[in-house]
Amino acid sequence: MLVHVFTGHLSVCVMHIIGDGTYDMQVYYRSLTATCMDLNFSRYREGERLKVINVIARRVGK
């Protein structure tokens, strides 16, 4: 697992080696702004992107 944190941003990459020698990788990015949080998730198997999820979470009143 690789985690990188810098001001307002977080990156996480996780690679799994599967029993048959292939690999699966998950990549997660998060960034914060004054009004929202952007989330980006991707899943890869052997370099092929299988899934992408992009979310913008907006801040609402307290």
C-alpha atoms as a PDB file:
ATOM      1  CA  MET A   1       0.000   0.000   0.000  1.00  0.00           C
ATOM      2  CA  LEU A   2       1.221   3.477  -0.868  1.00  0.00           C
ATOM      3  CA  VAL A   3      -0.287   6.498   0.883  1.00  0.00           C
ATOM      4  CA  HIS A   4       0.569  10.076   0.012  1.00  0.00           C
ATOM      5  CA  VAL A   5      -0.829  12.986   2.012  1.00  0.00           C
ATOM      6  CA  PHE A   6      -0.285  16.650   1.248  1.00  0.00           C
ATOM      7  CA  THR A   7      -2.267  19.789   2.027  1.00  0.00           C
ATOM      8  CA  GLY A   8      -5.924  19.026   1.348  1.00  0.00           C
ATOM      9  CA  HIS A   9      -5.187  15.886  -0.704  1.00  0.00           C
ATOM     10  CA  LEU A  10      -4.921  12.168   0.008  1.00  0.00           C
ATOM     11  CA  SER A  11      -3.809   9.438  -2.413  1.00  0.00           C
ATOM     12  CA  VAL A  12      -3.947   5.718  -1.650  1.00  0.00           C
ATOM     13  CA  CYS A  13      -2.820   2.933  -4.004  1.00  0.00           C
ATOM     14  CA  VAL A  14      -3.230  -0.729  -3.051  1.00  0.00           C
ATOM     15  CA  MET A  15      -1.950  -3.608  -5.176  1.00  0.00           C
ATOM     16  CA  HIS A  16      -2.989  -7.228  -4.576  1.00  0.00           C
ATOM     17  CA  ILE A  17      -1.104 -10.095  -6.187  1.00  0.00           C
ATOM     18  CA  ILE A  18      -3.619 -12.876  -6.851  1.00  0.00           C
ATOM     19  CA  GLY A  19      -2.725 -16.570  -6.518  1.00  0.00           C
ATOM     20  CA  ASP A  20      -2.565 -17.085 -10.306  1.00  0.00           C
ATOM     21  CA  GLY A  21       0.079 -14.316 -10.623  1.00  0.00           C
ATOM     22  CA  THR A  22      -2.227 -11.587 -11.925  1.00  0.00           C
ATOM     23  CA  TYR A  23      -2.686  -8.358 -10.019  1.00  0.00           C
ATOM     24  CA  ASP A  24      -5.542  -6.148  -8.914  1.00  0.00           C
ATOM     25  CA  MET A  25      -4.957  -2.485  -8.034  1.00  0.00           C
ATOM     26  CA  GLN A  26      -7.212   0.047  -6.340  1.00  0.00           C
ATOM     27  CA  VAL A  27      -6.466   3.777  -6.535  1.00  0.00           C
ATOM     28  CA  TYR A  28      -8.235   6.333  -4.334  1.00  0.00           C
ATOM     29  CA  TYR A  29      -7.827  10.129  -4.484  1.00  0.00           C
ATOM     30  CA  ARG A  30      -9.499  12.646  -2.202  1.00  0.00           C
ATOM     31  CA  SER A  31      -9.175  16.413  -2.222  1.00  0.00           C
ATOM     32  CA  LEU A  32     -10.799  18.998   0.001  1.00  0.00           C
ATOM     33  CA  THR A  33     -11.819  22.531  -0.894  1.00  0.00           C
ATOM     34  CA  ALA A  34     -13.663  25.171   1.105  1.00  0.00           C
ATOM     35  CA  THR A  35     -17.024  23.958  -0.243  1.00  0.00           C
ATOM     36  CA  CYS A  36     -16.674  20.302  -1.218  1.00  0.00           C
ATOM     37  CA  MET A  37     -14.745  17.052  -1.208  1.00  0.00           C
ATOM     38  CA  ASP A  38     -13.838  15.326  -4.485  1.00  0.00           C
ATOM     39  CA  LEU A  39     -13.495  11.532  -4.372  1.00  0.00           C
ATOM     40  CA  ASN A  40     -12.103   9.457  -7.231  1.00  0.00           C
ATOM     41  CA  PHE A  41     -11.805   5.670  -7.070  1.00  0.00           C
ATOM     42  CA  SER A  42     -10.514   3.346  -9.810  1.00  0.00           C
ATOM     43  CA  ARG A  43     -10.020  -0.419  -9.852  1.00  0.00           C
ATOM     44  CA  TYR A  44      -7.673  -2.137 -12.288  1.00  0.00           C
ATOM     45  CA  ARG A  45      -6.902  -5.753 -13.098  1.00  0.00           C
ATOM     46  CA  GLU A  46      -3.786  -6.409 -15.170  1.00  0.00           C
ATOM     47  CA  GLY A  47      -3.802  -2.745 -16.243  1.00  0.00           C
ATOM     48  CA  GLU A  48      -7.411  -2.773 -17.481  1.00  0.00           C
ATOM     49  CA  ARG A  49      -9.681  -0.306 -15.690  1.00  0.00           C
ATOM     50  CA  LEU A  50     -12.695  -2.229 -14.413  1.00  0.00           C
ATOM     51  CA  LYS A  51     -14.476   0.383 -12.318  1.00  0.00           C
ATOM     52  CA  VAL A  52     -14.473   4.155 -11.885  1.00  0.00           C
ATOM     53  CA  ILE A  53     -16.390   6.095  -9.259  1.00  0.00           C
ATOM     54  CA  ASN A  54     -16.252   9.912  -9.122  1.00  0.00           C
ATOM     55  CA  VAL A  55     -18.111  11.788  -6.386  1.00  0.00           C
ATOM     56  CA  ILE A  56     -18.373  15.456  -5.453  1.00  0.00           C
ATOM     57  CA  ALA A  57     -19.672  15.853  -1.911  1.00  0.00           C
ATOM     58  CA  ARG A  58     -20.856  19.410  -1.272  1.00  0.00           C
ATOM     59  CA  ARG A  59     -20.886  20.943   2.184  1.00  0.00           C
ATOM     60  CA  VAL A  60     -24.343  21.829   3.514  1.00  0.00           C
ATOM     61  CA  GLY A  61     -25.339  24.055   6.440  1.00  0.00           C
ATOM     62  CA  LYS A  62     -24.729  22.871   9.996  1.00  0.00           C
END
